[in-house]
C-alpha atoms as a PDB file:
ATOM      1  CA  MET A   1      58.192-128.755-136.921  1.00  0.00           C
ATOM      2  CA  ASP A   2      60.663-126.858-134.679  1.00  0.00           C
ATOM      3  CA  LYS A   3      61.734-123.416-135.777  1.00  0.00           C
ATOM      4  CA  GLN A   4      65.286-122.782-136.859  1.00  0.00           C
ATOM      5  CA  GLN A   5      67.428-120.785-134.448  1.00  0.00           C
ATOM      6  CA  ILE A   6      69.121-117.383-134.558  1.00  0.00           C
ATOM      7  CA  LEU A   7      71.756-116.608-131.947  1.00  0.00           C
ATOM      8  CA  ILE A   8      72.030-112.961-130.882  1.00  0.00           C
ATOM      9  CA  VAL A   9      75.232-112.087-129.030  1.00  0.00           C
ATOM     10  CA  ASP A  10      75.444-108.601-127.491  1.00  0.00           C
ATOM     11  CA  ASP A  11      76.266-107.348-123.998  1.00  0.00           C
ATOM     12  CA  GLU A  12      73.567-104.676-124.198  1.00  0.00           C
ATOM     13  CA  GLU A  13      70.139-106.081-123.381  1.00  0.00           C
ATOM     14  CA  VAL A  14      68.318-103.408-125.366  1.00  0.00           C
ATOM     15  CA  ASN A  15      70.194-104.336-128.548  1.00  0.00           C
ATOM     16  CA  ARG A  16      69.364-108.002-128.042  1.00  0.00           C
ATOM     17  CA  ALA A  17      65.711-107.141-127.492  1.00  0.00           C
ATOM     18  CA  VAL A  18      65.468-105.050-130.676  1.00  0.00           C
ATOM     19  CA  LEU A  19      67.133-107.743-132.786  1.00  0.00           C
ATOM     20  CA  ALA A  20      65.077-110.528-131.184  1.00  0.00           C
ATOM     21  CA  GLU A  21      61.834-108.735-131.961  1.00  0.00           C
ATOM     22  CA  MET A  22      62.715-108.666-135.678  1.00  0.00           C
ATOM     23  CA  PHE A  23      63.043-112.454-135.983  1.00  0.00           C
ATOM     24  CA  ARG A  24      60.907-113.909-133.178  1.00  0.00           C
ATOM     25  CA  GLU A  25      57.946-114.694-135.405  1.00  0.00           C
ATOM     26  CA  GLU A  26      59.942-116.905-137.813  1.00  0.00           C
ATOM     27  CA  TYR A  27      62.796-118.198-135.655  1.00  0.00           C
ATOM     28  CA  THR A  28      63.584-119.426-132.172  1.00  0.00           C
ATOM     29  CA  ILE A  29      65.779-116.780-130.576  1.00  0.00           C
ATOM     30  CA  LEU A  30      68.852-117.687-128.547  1.00  0.00           C
ATOM     31  CA  GLU A  31      70.680-114.972-126.627  1.00  0.00           C
ATOM     32  CA  ALA A  32      74.123-114.511-125.098  1.00  0.00           C
ATOM     33  CA  GLU A  33      75.541-111.494-123.308  1.00  0.00           C
ATOM     34  CA  ASP A  34      79.224-112.332-123.838  1.00  0.00           C
ATOM     35  CA  GLY A  35      81.480-114.479-126.004  1.00  0.00           C
ATOM     36  CA  GLN A  36      81.739-117.400-123.585  1.00  0.00           C
ATOM     37  CA  LYS A  37      77.953-117.738-123.302  1.00  0.00           C
ATOM     38  CA  ALA A  38      77.796-117.546-127.120  1.00  0.00           C
ATOM     39  CA  ILE A  39      80.149-120.522-127.415  1.00  0.00           C
ATOM     40  CA  ASP A  40      78.015-122.413-124.867  1.00  0.00           C
ATOM     41  CA  GLN A  41      74.934-121.767-127.029  1.00  0.00           C
ATOM     42  CA  ILE A  42      76.750-122.918-130.166  1.00  0.00           C
ATOM     43  CA  GLN A  43      77.853-126.119-128.450  1.00  0.00           C
ATOM     44  CA  ASN A  44      74.368-126.899-127.105  1.00  0.00           C
ATOM     45  CA  ASN A  45      72.255-126.118-130.188  1.00  0.00           C
ATOM     46  CA  SER A  46      72.429-127.717-133.625  1.00  0.00           C
ATOM     47  CA  ASP A  47      69.808-125.732-135.570  1.00  0.00           C
ATOM     48  CA  ILE A  48      71.440-122.288-135.539  1.00  0.00           C
ATOM     49  CA  VAL A  49      71.119-120.737-139.008  1.00  0.00           C
ATOM     50  CA  LEU A  50      72.548-117.287-138.212  1.00  0.00           C
ATOM     51  CA  ILE A  51      74.663-115.592-135.553  1.00  0.00           C
ATOM     52  CA  LEU A  52      74.396-111.828-134.989  1.00  0.00           C
ATOM     53  CA  LEU A  53      77.635-111.088-133.160  1.00  0.00           C
ATOM     54  CA  ASP A  54      78.802-107.984-131.331  1.00  0.00           C
ATOM     55  CA  ILE A  55      82.549-107.385-131.043  1.00  0.00           C
ATOM     56  CA  VAL A  56      83.151-105.490-127.803  1.00  0.00           C
ATOM     57  CA  MET A  57      81.830-107.517-124.861  1.00  0.00           C
ATOM     58  CA  PRO A  58      82.973-108.452-121.352  1.00  0.00           C
ATOM     59  CA  VAL A  59      84.502-111.865-120.486  1.00  0.00           C
ATOM     60  CA  MET A  60      85.154-112.747-124.152  1.00  0.00           C
ATOM     61  CA  ASP A  61      84.875-110.517-127.240  1.00  0.00           C
ATOM     62  CA  GLY A  62      83.417-111.361-130.637  1.00  0.00           C
ATOM     63  CA  PHE A  63      86.748-112.129-132.281  1.00  0.00           C
ATOM     64  CA  LYS A  64      87.433-114.843-129.701  1.00  0.00           C
ATOM     65  CA  VAL A  65      84.104-116.403-130.710  1.00  0.00           C
ATOM     66  CA  LEU A  66      85.259-116.278-134.334  1.00  0.00           C
ATOM     67  CA  ASP A  67      88.532-117.916-133.293  1.00  0.00           C
ATOM     68  CA  TYR A  68      86.535-120.774-131.752  1.00  0.00           C
ATOM     69  CA  MET A  69      84.283-121.128-134.791  1.00  0.00           C
ATOM     70  CA  LYS A  70      87.255-121.135-137.155  1.00  0.00           C
ATOM     71  CA  GLU A  71      89.027-123.797-135.114  1.00  0.00           C
ATOM     72  CA  LYS A  72      85.884-125.973-135.164  1.00  0.00           C
ATOM     73  CA  GLU A  73      85.293-125.258-138.897  1.00  0.00           C
ATOM     74  CA  LEU A  74      81.897-123.717-138.163  1.00  0.00           C
ATOM     75  CA  ILE A  75      82.182-120.379-139.970  1.00  0.00           C
ATOM     76  CA  GLU A  76      81.466-121.969-143.356  1.00  0.00           C
ATOM     77  CA  LYS A  77      78.462-123.799-141.918  1.00  0.00           C
ATOM     78  CA  ILE A  78      76.875-121.061-139.794  1.00  0.00           C
ATOM     79  CA  PRO A  79      76.809-117.539-141.268  1.00  0.00           C
ATOM     80  CA  VAL A  80      77.930-114.754-138.948  1.00  0.00           C
ATOM     81  CA  ILE A  81      76.923-111.105-139.230  1.00  0.00           C
ATOM     82  CA  LEU A  82      79.226-108.933-137.176  1.00  0.00           C
ATOM     83  CA  ILE A  83      77.516-105.922-135.591  1.00  0.00           C
ATOM     84  CA  THR A  84      79.988-103.325-134.430  1.00  0.00           C
ATOM     85  CA  GLY A  85      80.226 -99.741-133.309  1.00  0.00           C
ATOM     86  CA  GLU A  86      83.947 -99.568-134.147  1.00  0.00           C
ATOM     87  CA  SER A  87      85.374 -97.850-137.202  1.00  0.00           C
ATOM     88  CA  VAL A  88      85.657 -99.736-140.492  1.00  0.00           C
ATOM     89  CA  SER A  89      89.437 -99.744-140.450  1.00  0.00           C
ATOM     90  CA  ASN A  90      89.587-101.346-137.005  1.00  0.00           C
ATOM     91  CA  SER A  91      87.151-104.240-137.447  1.00  0.00           C
ATOM     92  CA  GLU A  92      85.673-104.788-140.903  1.00  0.00           C
ATOM     93  CA  GLY A  93      88.785-106.029-142.672  1.00  0.00           C
ATOM     94  CA  LYS A  94      89.667-108.315-139.767  1.00  0.00           C
ATOM     95  CA  ALA A  95      86.120-109.682-139.684  1.00  0.00           C
ATOM     96  CA  TYR A  96      86.041-110.537-143.384  1.00  0.00           C
ATOM     97  CA  ALA A  97      89.426-112.237-143.001  1.00  0.00           C
ATOM     98  CA  TYR A  98      87.730-114.634-140.568  1.00  0.00           C
ATOM     99  CA  GLY A  99      85.086-115.392-143.196  1.00  0.00           C
ATOM    100  CA  VAL A 100      82.046-113.629-141.740  1.00  0.00           C
ATOM    101  CA  ALA A 101      79.085-113.254-144.088  1.00  0.00           C
ATOM    102  CA  ASP A 102      78.518-109.532-143.449  1.00  0.00           C
ATOM    103  CA  VAL A 103      79.449-106.589-141.219  1.00  0.00           C
ATOM    104  CA  MET A 104      76.909-104.007-140.000  1.00  0.00           C
ATOM    105  CA  HIS A 105      77.595-100.898-138.012  1.00  0.00           C
ATOM    106  CA  LYS A 106      75.743 -99.433-135.070  1.00  0.00           C
ATOM    107  CA  PRO A 107      73.340 -97.752-134.981  1.00  0.00           C
ATOM    108  CA  PHE A 108      71.616-100.308-137.238  1.00  0.00           C
ATOM    109  CA  TYR A 109      68.286-100.043-139.037  1.00  0.00           C
ATOM    110  CA  PRO A 110      65.997-102.991-138.202  1.00  0.00           C
ATOM    111  CA  ARG A 111      64.500-103.310-141.700  1.00  0.00           C
ATOM    112  CA  ILE A 112      67.955-103.409-143.322  1.00  0.00           C
ATOM    113  CA  VAL A 113      69.269-105.886-140.759  1.00  0.00           C
ATOM    114  CA  LYS A 114      66.323-108.206-141.318  1.00  0.00           C
ATOM    115  CA  ARG A 115      66.542-108.073-145.112  1.00  0.00           C
ATOM    116  CA  ARG A 116      70.273-108.697-145.211  1.00  0.00           C
ATOM    117  CA  SER A 117      69.976-111.434-142.606  1.00  0.00           C
ATOM    118  CA  SER A 118      67.187-113.182-144.520  1.00  0.00           C
ATOM    119  CA  ASN A 119      69.221-113.047-147.738  1.00  0.00           C
ATOM    120  CA  ILE A 120      72.271-114.527-146.020  1.00  0.00           C
ATOM    121  CA  ILE A 121      70.250-117.324-144.377  1.00  0.00           C
ATOM    122  CA  GLU A 122      68.708-118.204-147.741  1.00  0.00           C
ATOM    123  CA  LEU A 123      72.099-118.098-149.467  1.00  0.00           C
ATOM    124  CA  TYR A 124      73.699-120.434-146.924  1.00  0.00           C
ATOM    125  CA  GLN A 125      70.747-122.824-146.951  1.00  0.00           C
ATOM    126  CA  ASN A 126      70.866-122.990-150.740  1.00  0.00           C
ATOM    127  CA  LYS A 127      74.587-123.632-150.519  1.00  0.00           C
ATOM    128  CA  ARG A 128      74.025-126.372-147.930  1.00  0.00           C
ATOM    129  CA  ASN A 129      71.266-127.966-150.033  1.00  0.00           C
ATOM    130  CA  MET A 130      73.533-127.893-153.068  1.00  0.00           C
ATOM    131  CA  GLU A 131      76.346-129.533-151.112  1.00  0.00           C
ATOM    132  CA  LEU A 132      73.957-132.250-149.945  1.00  0.00           C
ATOM    133  CA  ARG A 133      72.787-132.832-153.527  1.00  0.00           C
ATOM    134  CA  LEU A 134      76.376-132.990-154.718  1.00  0.00           C
ATOM    135  CA  LYS A 135      77.243-135.520-152.019  1.00  0.00           C
ATOM    136  CA  GLU A 136      74.215-137.595-152.998  1.00  0.00           C
ATOM    137  CA  GLN A 137      75.254-137.419-156.639  1.00  0.00           C
ATOM    138  CA  GLU A 138      78.792-138.452-155.683  1.00  0.00           C
ATOM    139  CA  ARG A 139      77.386-141.456-153.820  1.00  0.00           C
ATOM    140  CA  GLU A 140      75.275-142.371-156.839  1.00  0.00           C
ATOM    141  CA  ILE A 141      78.261-141.973-159.170  1.00  0.00           C
ATOM    142  CA  ARG A 142      80.444-144.135-156.916  1.00  0.00           C
ATOM    143  CA  SER A 143      77.697-146.744-156.831  1.00  0.00           C
ATOM    144  CA  GLN A 144      77.406-146.642-160.627  1.00  0.00           C
ATOM    145  CA  GLU A 145      81.180-146.849-161.001  1.00  0.00           C
ATOM    146  CA  LYS A 146      81.201-149.884-158.739  1.00  0.00           C
ATOM    147  CA  GLU A 147      78.544-151.547-160.887  1.00  0.00           C
ATOM    148  CA  ILE A 148      80.376-150.604-164.073  1.00  0.00           C
ATOM    149  CA  ARG A 149      83.621-151.980-162.661  1.00  0.00           C
ATOM    150  CA  LYS A 150      81.854-155.198-161.700  1.00  0.00           C
ATOM    151  CA  THR A 151      80.357-155.466-165.188  1.00  0.00           C
ATOM    152  CA  ASN A 152      83.775-154.802-166.704  1.00  0.00           C
ATOM    153  CA  GLU A 153      85.253-157.566-164.556  1.00  0.00           C
ATOM    154  CA  TYR A 154      82.665-159.980-165.928  1.00  0.00           C
ATOM    155  CA  MET A 155      83.447-158.847-169.478  1.00  0.00           C
ATOM    156  CA  ILE A 156      87.189-159.200-168.899  1.00  0.00           C
ATOM    157  CA  ASP A 157      86.721-162.692-167.489  1.00  0.00           C
ATOM    158  CA  ALA A 158      84.418-163.566-170.387  1.00  0.00           C
ATOM    159  CA  LEU A 159      86.911-162.331-172.964  1.00  0.00           C
ATOM    160  CA  SER A 160      89.845-164.125-171.382  1.00  0.00           C
ATOM    161  CA  SER A 161      87.754-167.293-171.012  1.00  0.00           C
ATOM    162  CA  VAL A 162      87.145-167.434-174.751  1.00  0.00           C
ATOM    163  CA  VAL A 163      90.792-168.388-175.259  1.00  0.00           C
ATOM    164  CA  GLU A 164      90.771-170.799-172.331  1.00  0.00           C
ATOM    165  CA  PHE A 165      87.727-172.658-173.646  1.00  0.00           C
ATOM    166  CA  ARG A 166      89.661-173.322-176.834  1.00  0.00           C
ATOM    167  CA  SER A 167      92.628-174.690-174.908  1.00  0.00           C
ATOM    168  CA  ALA A 168      91.573-177.018-172.092  1.00  0.00           C
ATOM    169  CA  GLU A 169      95.006-177.233-170.494  1.00  0.00           C
ATOM    170  CA  THR A 170      95.101-173.482-169.775  1.00  0.00           C
ATOM    171  CA  GLY A 171      91.723-173.312-168.052  1.00  0.00           C
ATOM    172  CA  GLU A 172      93.112-171.641-164.894  1.00  0.00           C
ATOM    173  CA  HIS A 173      95.958-169.803-166.604  1.00  0.00           C
ATOM    174  CA  THR A 174      94.323-166.365-166.436  1.00  0.00           C
ATOM    175  CA  ARG A 175      93.487-166.685-162.754  1.00  0.00           C
ATOM    176  CA  ARG A 176      97.051-167.700-161.914  1.00  0.00           C
ATOM    177  CA  ILE A 177      98.487-164.860-164.000  1.00  0.00           C
ATOM    178  CA  LYS A 178      96.452-162.381-161.942  1.00  0.00           C
ATOM    179  CA  TYR A 179      97.771-163.909-158.709  1.00  0.00           C
ATOM    180  CA  PHE A 180     101.394-163.835-159.881  1.00  0.00           C
ATOM    181  CA  THR A 181     101.063-160.315-161.268  1.00  0.00           C
ATOM    182  CA  ARG A 182      99.700-158.985-157.996  1.00  0.00           C
ATOM    183  CA  ILE A 183     102.481-160.702-156.036  1.00  0.00           C
ATOM    184  CA  MET A 184     105.188-159.208-158.278  1.00  0.00           C
ATOM    185  CA  LEU A 185     103.675-155.733-158.071  1.00  0.00           C
ATOM    186  CA  LYS A 186     103.422-155.897-154.277  1.00  0.00           C
ATOM    187  CA  TYR A 187     107.113-156.756-154.027  1.00  0.00           C
ATOM    188  CA  LEU A 188     108.017-154.024-156.520  1.00  0.00           C
ATOM    189  CA  GLN A 189     106.040-151.535-154.455  1.00  0.00           C
ATOM    190  CA  GLN A 190     107.797-152.560-151.245  1.00  0.00           C
ATOM    191  CA  TYR A 191     111.386-153.088-152.387  1.00  0.00           C
ATOM    192  CA  PHE A 192     111.710-150.927-155.511  1.00  0.00           C
ATOM    193  CA  PRO A 193     110.217-147.514-154.636  1.00  0.00           C
ATOM    194  CA  LYS A 194     111.855-145.924-157.695  1.00  0.00           C
ATOM    195  CA  TYR A 195     109.022-147.330-159.811  1.00  0.00           C
ATOM    196  CA  GLY A 196     106.412-145.506-157.720  1.00  0.00           C
ATOM    197  CA  ILE A 197     103.928-148.379-157.831  1.00  0.00           C
ATOM    198  CA  THR A 198     100.651-147.365-156.148  1.00  0.00           C
ATOM    199  CA  ASP A 199      97.803-149.497-154.822  1.00  0.00           C
ATOM    200  CA  ALA A 200      95.605-148.181-157.650  1.00  0.00           C
ATOM    201  CA  GLN A 201      98.187-149.281-160.242  1.00  0.00           C
ATOM    202  CA  ILE A 202      98.426-152.718-158.654  1.00  0.00           C
ATOM    203  CA  ALA A 203      94.659-153.121-158.947  1.00  0.00           C
ATOM    204  CA  GLU A 204      94.488-151.895-162.571  1.00  0.00           C
ATOM    205  CA  ILE A 205      97.527-153.812-163.846  1.00  0.00           C
ATOM    206  CA  THR A 206      96.291-156.990-162.153  1.00  0.00           C
ATOM    207  CA  ARG A 207      92.897-156.614-163.857  1.00  0.00           C
ATOM    208  CA  ALA A 208      94.549-155.865-167.189  1.00  0.00           C
ATOM    209  CA  SER A 209      96.805-158.930-166.940  1.00  0.00           C
ATOM    210  CA  ALA A 210      93.763-161.139-167.546  1.00  0.00           C
ATOM    211  CA  LEU A 211      93.724-159.932-171.165  1.00  0.00           C
ATOM    212  CA  HIS A 212      97.369-160.663-171.960  1.00  0.00           C
ATOM    213  CA  ASP A 213      96.553-163.538-174.330  1.00  0.00           C
ATOM    214  CA  ILE A 214      93.238-162.291-175.720  1.00  0.00           C
ATOM    215  CA  GLY A 215      94.792-162.153-179.183  1.00  0.00           C
ATOM    216  CA  LYS A 216      94.955-165.960-179.275  1.00  0.00           C
ATOM    217  CA  ILE A 217      91.309-165.778-180.308  1.00  0.00           C
ATOM    218  CA  GLY A 218      92.674-165.082-183.776  1.00  0.00           C
ATOM    219  CA  ILE A 219      95.139-167.995-183.872  1.00  0.00           C
ATOM    220  CA  PRO A 220      93.985-171.136-185.769  1.00  0.00           C
ATOM    221  CA  ASP A 221      93.323-174.262-183.677  1.00  0.00           C
ATOM    222  CA  SER A 222      95.843-176.180-185.751  1.00  0.00           C
ATOM    223  CA  ILE A 223      98.568-173.954-184.301  1.00  0.00           C
ATOM    224  CA  LEU A 224      97.125-173.063-180.904  1.00  0.00           C
ATOM    225  CA  LEU A 225      96.419-176.703-179.999  1.00  0.00           C
ATOM    226  CA  LYS A 226      99.322-178.370-181.814  1.00  0.00           C
ATOM    227  CA  PRO A 227     100.769-181.134-179.573  1.00  0.00           C
ATOM    228  CA  GLY A 228     104.399-180.480-180.381  1.00  0.00           C
ATOM    229  CA  ARG A 229     106.946-177.875-181.364  1.00  0.00           C
ATOM    230  CA  LEU A 230     105.725-175.264-183.830  1.00  0.00           C
ATOM    231  CA  THR A 231     107.466-174.817-187.152  1.00  0.00           C
ATOM    232  CA  THR A 232     109.148-171.483-187.867  1.00  0.00           C
ATOM    233  CA  GLN A 233     106.206-170.434-189.998  1.00  0.00           C
ATOM    234  CA  GLU A 234     103.677-171.536-187.391  1.00  0.00           C
ATOM    235  CA  PHE A 235     105.546-169.676-184.665  1.00  0.00           C
ATOM    236  CA  GLU A 236     105.424-166.490-186.743  1.00  0.00           C
ATOM    237  CA  VAL A 237     101.641-166.879-186.854  1.00  0.00           C
ATOM    238  CA  MET A 238     101.517-167.542-183.096  1.00  0.00           C
ATOM    239  CA  LYS A 239     103.497-164.363-182.420  1.00  0.00           C
ATOM    240  CA  THR A 240     100.752-162.298-184.046  1.00  0.00           C
ATOM    241  CA  HIS A 241      98.505-162.894-181.017  1.00  0.00           C
ATOM    242  CA  THR A 242     100.186-159.868-179.424  1.00  0.00           C
ATOM    243  CA  THR A 243      99.098-157.453-182.147  1.00  0.00           C
ATOM    244  CA  ILE A 244      95.733-159.165-182.676  1.00  0.00           C
ATOM    245  CA  GLY A 245      95.034-158.587-178.979  1.00  0.00           C
ATOM    246  CA  CYS A 246      95.772-154.880-179.370  1.00  0.00           C
ATOM    247  CA  ASP A 247      93.410-154.671-182.353  1.00  0.00           C
ATOM    248  CA  ILE A 248      90.658-156.271-180.272  1.00  0.00           C
ATOM    249  CA  LEU A 249      91.241-153.834-177.409  1.00  0.00           C
ATOM    250  CA  GLU A 250      91.172-150.825-179.738  1.00  0.00           C
ATOM    251  CA  LYS A 251      87.747-151.852-181.029  1.00  0.00           C
ATOM    252  CA  PHE A 252      86.352-153.071-177.721  1.00  0.00           C
ATOM    253  CA  TYR A 253      87.256-150.115-175.470  1.00  0.00           C
ATOM    254  CA  GLU A 254      86.151-146.608-176.384  1.00  0.00           C
ATOM    255  CA  ASN A 255      88.171-144.775-173.720  1.00  0.00           C
ATOM    256  CA  HIS A 256      91.730-145.124-174.958  1.00  0.00           C
ATOM    257  CA  ASP A 257      92.930-142.601-172.354  1.00  0.00           C
ATOM    258  CA  SER A 258      92.053-144.734-169.331  1.00  0.00           C
ATOM    259  CA  ASP A 259      94.766-146.384-167.243  1.00  0.00           C
ATOM    260  CA  PHE A 260      93.099-149.754-167.673  1.00  0.00           C
ATOM    261  CA  TYR A 261      93.184-149.523-171.469  1.00  0.00           C
ATOM    262  CA  ARG A 262      96.824-148.371-171.437  1.00  0.00           C
ATOM    263  CA  TYR A 263      97.918-151.245-169.178  1.00  0.00           C
ATOM    264  CA  SER A 264      95.878-153.770-171.169  1.00  0.00           C
ATOM    265  CA  TYR A 265      97.428-152.569-174.405  1.00  0.00           C
ATOM    266  CA  GLU A 266     100.967-152.603-172.987  1.00  0.00           C
ATOM    267  CA  ILE A 267     100.528-156.106-171.603  1.00  0.00           C
ATOM    268  CA  CYS A 268      98.909-157.516-174.739  1.00  0.00           C
ATOM    269  CA  ARG A 269     101.562-156.144-177.054  1.00  0.00           C
ATOM    270  CA  TYR A 270     104.743-156.341-174.993  1.00  0.00           C
ATOM    271  CA  HIS A 271     104.523-159.313-172.606  1.00  0.00           C
ATOM    272  CA  HIS A 272     106.771-161.335-174.957  1.00  0.00           C
ATOM    273  CA  GLU A 273     109.425-158.615-175.225  1.00  0.00           C
ATOM    274  CA  ARG A 274     112.774-159.346-173.563  1.00  0.00           C
ATOM    275  CA  TRP A 275     115.366-157.129-171.897  1.00  0.00           C
ATOM    276  CA  ASP A 276     118.024-157.710-174.617  1.00  0.00           C
ATOM    277  CA  GLY A 277     115.684-156.955-177.533  1.00  0.00           C
ATOM    278  CA  ASN A 278     115.213-160.582-178.566  1.00  0.00           C
ATOM    279  CA  GLY A 279     111.500-160.628-177.829  1.00  0.00           C
ATOM    280  CA  TYR A 280     108.553-159.767-180.043  1.00  0.00           C
ATOM    281  CA  PRO A 281     106.685-158.104-181.739  1.00  0.00           C
ATOM    282  CA  ASP A 282     108.669-154.819-181.600  1.00  0.00           C
ATOM    283  CA  HIS A 283     112.047-155.991-180.252  1.00  0.00           C
ATOM    284  CA  LEU A 284     112.011-153.417-177.473  1.00  0.00           C
ATOM    285  CA  VAL A 285     115.158-153.130-175.372  1.00  0.00           C
ATOM    286  CA  GLY A 286     115.584-152.528-171.635  1.00  0.00           C
ATOM    287  CA  GLU A 287     113.477-149.751-170.141  1.00  0.00           C
ATOM    288  CA  GLU A 288     111.563-149.373-173.408  1.00  0.00           C
ATOM    289  CA  ILE A 289     109.439-152.267-172.152  1.00  0.00           C
ATOM    290  CA  PRO A 290     106.648-150.964-169.863  1.00  0.00           C
ATOM    291  CA  ILE A 291     106.743-152.183-166.266  1.00  0.00           C
ATOM    292  CA  SER A 292     103.260-153.673-166.606  1.00  0.00           C
ATOM    293  CA  ALA A 293     104.459-155.901-169.461  1.00  0.00           C
ATOM    294  CA  GLN A 294     107.711-156.822-167.686  1.00  0.00           C
ATOM    295  CA  VAL A 295     105.784-158.048-164.655  1.00  0.00           C
ATOM    296  CA  VAL A 296     103.252-160.056-166.650  1.00  0.00           C
ATOM    297  CA  ALA A 297     106.063-161.521-168.780  1.00  0.00           C
ATOM    298  CA  ILE A 298     107.615-163.245-165.760  1.00  0.00           C
ATOM    299  CA  ALA A 299     104.198-164.322-164.476  1.00  0.00           C
ATOM    300  CA  ASP A 300     103.319-165.764-167.894  1.00  0.00           C
ATOM    301  CA  VAL A 301     106.604-167.652-168.376  1.00  0.00           C
ATOM    302  CA  TYR A 302     106.554-169.089-164.857  1.00  0.00           C
ATOM    303  CA  ASP A 303     102.977-170.307-165.193  1.00  0.00           C
ATOM    304  CA  ALA A 304     103.705-171.851-168.592  1.00  0.00           C
ATOM    305  CA  LEU A 305     106.607-173.796-167.080  1.00  0.00           C
ATOM    306  CA  VAL A 306     104.769-175.151-164.012  1.00  0.00           C
ATOM    307  CA  SER A 307     101.501-175.944-165.843  1.00  0.00           C
ATOM    308  CA  PRO A 308     100.738-178.803-168.256  1.00  0.00           C
ATOM    309  CA  ARG A 309     100.701-177.977-171.968  1.00  0.00           C
ATOM    310  CA  VAL A 310      99.980-180.128-175.022  1.00  0.00           C
ATOM    311  CA  TYR A 311     103.584-179.596-176.157  1.00  0.00           C
ATOM    312  CA  LYS A 312     105.444-180.102-172.818  1.00  0.00           C
ATOM    313  CA  SER A 313     105.370-181.689-169.391  1.00  0.00           C
ATOM    314  CA  VAL A 314     105.222-179.847-166.059  1.00  0.00           C
ATOM    315  CA  TYR A 315     108.400-178.454-164.505  1.00  0.00           C
ATOM    316  CA  ALA A 316     108.810-178.443-160.731  1.00  0.00           C
ATOM    317  CA  ASN A 317     108.605-175.035-159.039  1.00  0.00           C
ATOM    318  CA  ASN A 318     112.310-174.822-158.209  1.00  0.00           C
ATOM    319  CA  ILE A 319     113.376-175.924-161.691  1.00  0.00           C
ATOM    320  CA  ALA A 320     111.072-173.346-163.327  1.00  0.00           C
ATOM    321  CA  PHE A 321     112.497-170.713-160.994  1.00  0.00           C
ATOM    322  CA  ASP A 322     116.093-171.609-161.901  1.00  0.00           C
ATOM    323  CA  MET A 323     115.286-171.599-165.628  1.00  0.00           C
ATOM    324  CA  ILE A 324     113.933-168.046-165.454  1.00  0.00           C
ATOM    325  CA  MET A 325     116.758-166.777-163.257  1.00  0.00           C
ATOM    326  CA  GLY A 326     119.311-168.448-165.546  1.00  0.00           C
ATOM    327  CA  GLY A 327     117.987-166.818-168.699  1.00  0.00           C
ATOM    328  CA  GLU A 328     116.737-170.025-170.343  1.00  0.00           C
ATOM    329  CA  CYS A 329     113.395-168.325-171.107  1.00  0.00           C
ATOM    330  CA  GLY A 330     114.850-165.071-172.366  1.00  0.00           C
ATOM    331  CA  LEU A 331     116.484-162.217-170.505  1.00  0.00           C
ATOM    332  CA  PHE A 332     114.502-160.161-167.975  1.00  0.00           C
ATOM    333  CA  SER A 333     115.579-156.965-166.263  1.00  0.00           C
ATOM    334  CA  PRO A 334     117.842-157.285-163.194  1.00  0.00           C
ATOM    335  CA  ASP A 335     115.178-155.577-161.086  1.00  0.00           C
ATOM    336  CA  MET A 336     112.464-157.979-162.245  1.00  0.00           C
ATOM    337  CA  LEU A 337     114.675-160.979-161.518  1.00  0.00           C
ATOM    338  CA  GLU A 338     115.573-159.668-158.074  1.00  0.00           C
ATOM    339  CA  CYS A 339     111.891-159.036-157.386  1.00  0.00           C
ATOM    340  CA  PHE A 340     111.039-162.532-158.630  1.00  0.00           C
ATOM    341  CA  GLY A 341     113.660-163.924-156.263  1.00  0.00           C
ATOM    342  CA  LEU A 342     112.092-162.081-153.329  1.00  0.00           C
ATOM    343  CA  ALA A 343     108.652-163.372-154.320  1.00  0.00           C
ATOM    344  CA  LYS A 344     109.834-166.954-154.880  1.00  0.00           C
ATOM    345  CA  VAL A 345     108.088-168.503-151.869  1.00  0.00           C
ATOM    346  CA  ASP A 346     104.814-166.733-152.641  1.00  0.00           C
ATOM    347  CA  PHE A 347     104.930-167.992-156.243  1.00  0.00           C
ATOM    348  CA  PHE A 348     105.521-171.541-155.046  1.00  0.00           C
ATOM    349  CA  ASN A 349     102.699-171.276-152.514  1.00  0.00           C
ATOM    350  CA  VAL A 350     100.200-170.071-155.120  1.00  0.00           C
ATOM    351  CA  VAL A 351     100.943-173.070-157.309  1.00  0.00           C
ATOM    352  CA  GLU A 352     100.615-175.507-154.431  1.00  0.00           C
ATOM    353  CA  VAL A 353      97.375-173.973-153.139  1.00  0.00           C
ATOM    354  CA  ILE A 354      95.797-174.074-156.603  1.00  0.00           C
ATOM    355  CA  LYS A 355      96.907-177.702-157.025  1.00  0.00           C
ATOM    356  CA  MET A 356      95.249-178.527-153.701  1.00  0.00           C
ATOM    357  CA  PHE A 357      91.940-177.028-154.801  1.00  0.00           C
ATOM    358  CA  GLU A 358      92.168-178.727-158.191  1.00  0.00           C
ATOM    359  CA  PHE A 359      92.755-182.037-156.419  1.00  0.00           C
ATOM    360  CA  GLU A 360      89.640-181.536-154.309  1.00  0.00           C
END
């Protein structure tokens, strides 16, 4: 195994010889008689574990070497011990400002130089090993998070599928809701910067949208699958799917502080709220309704209109669009309607593409 390297930079040959003799047995010694040759050595060697650097030298002084190392972000990686004959006030403070590991003054004592050098090399190597371990741990954590996220996706799909298995006509409803939600959020991000929608929020809200109707698990089949208009009493029962969904989420997810839980809860509870307060279950008005729920509300209504249901026939894309814009399905915010208008073609395309695959 090759020895690690120590670079000794001093214009006086005798000083280099004395320092080299201290470390030659354990390290490969590199030498430079001025700052420029020191930089050449740094550029050409990758196993340097310590630089012993003089300040006053011809061609280029020690501080110019430190300038180079700082620019290349090397000072934190390679410890530097500055060896100087100048007074403390002239050099030591400036050296530490660069980030050198230590400053020693001439004449130096070989035993002290070697001990302090060995301690600094060990300290930096321990630091480097710790950084490598931390990076490895970060990679492992990211890998675990990826697996957890994948598992969560399966669980989300499984939960949302429970409702769909009970209602054959909505078998692709959840998938379409995720498509429409993502489309709406992308347009909000682009054309309505005041909402500050980020890529991370788009991903989390889209995932959470799959759980918007999870509360229908608690609705009796006689109501959920009724082939006709619900009575007033039956509709009151149907409306409870919003709060039932929130109860399920509270029990299912332990981390109630996560963004995913918050968006899931907002969507479950509020996706039937309307801008004028005539929605349910809490009759929220205007901006009281979270953006996540406002987006999913339009996605949900549009998909219900253009998809077959036991209680209604399918509406054409343009008719469904006009019904939502005209307020026939409840009032939505002006921003949401404008965004929906911008996304109109994309909504239509999603429906047509899905129909094509269903036909095949």
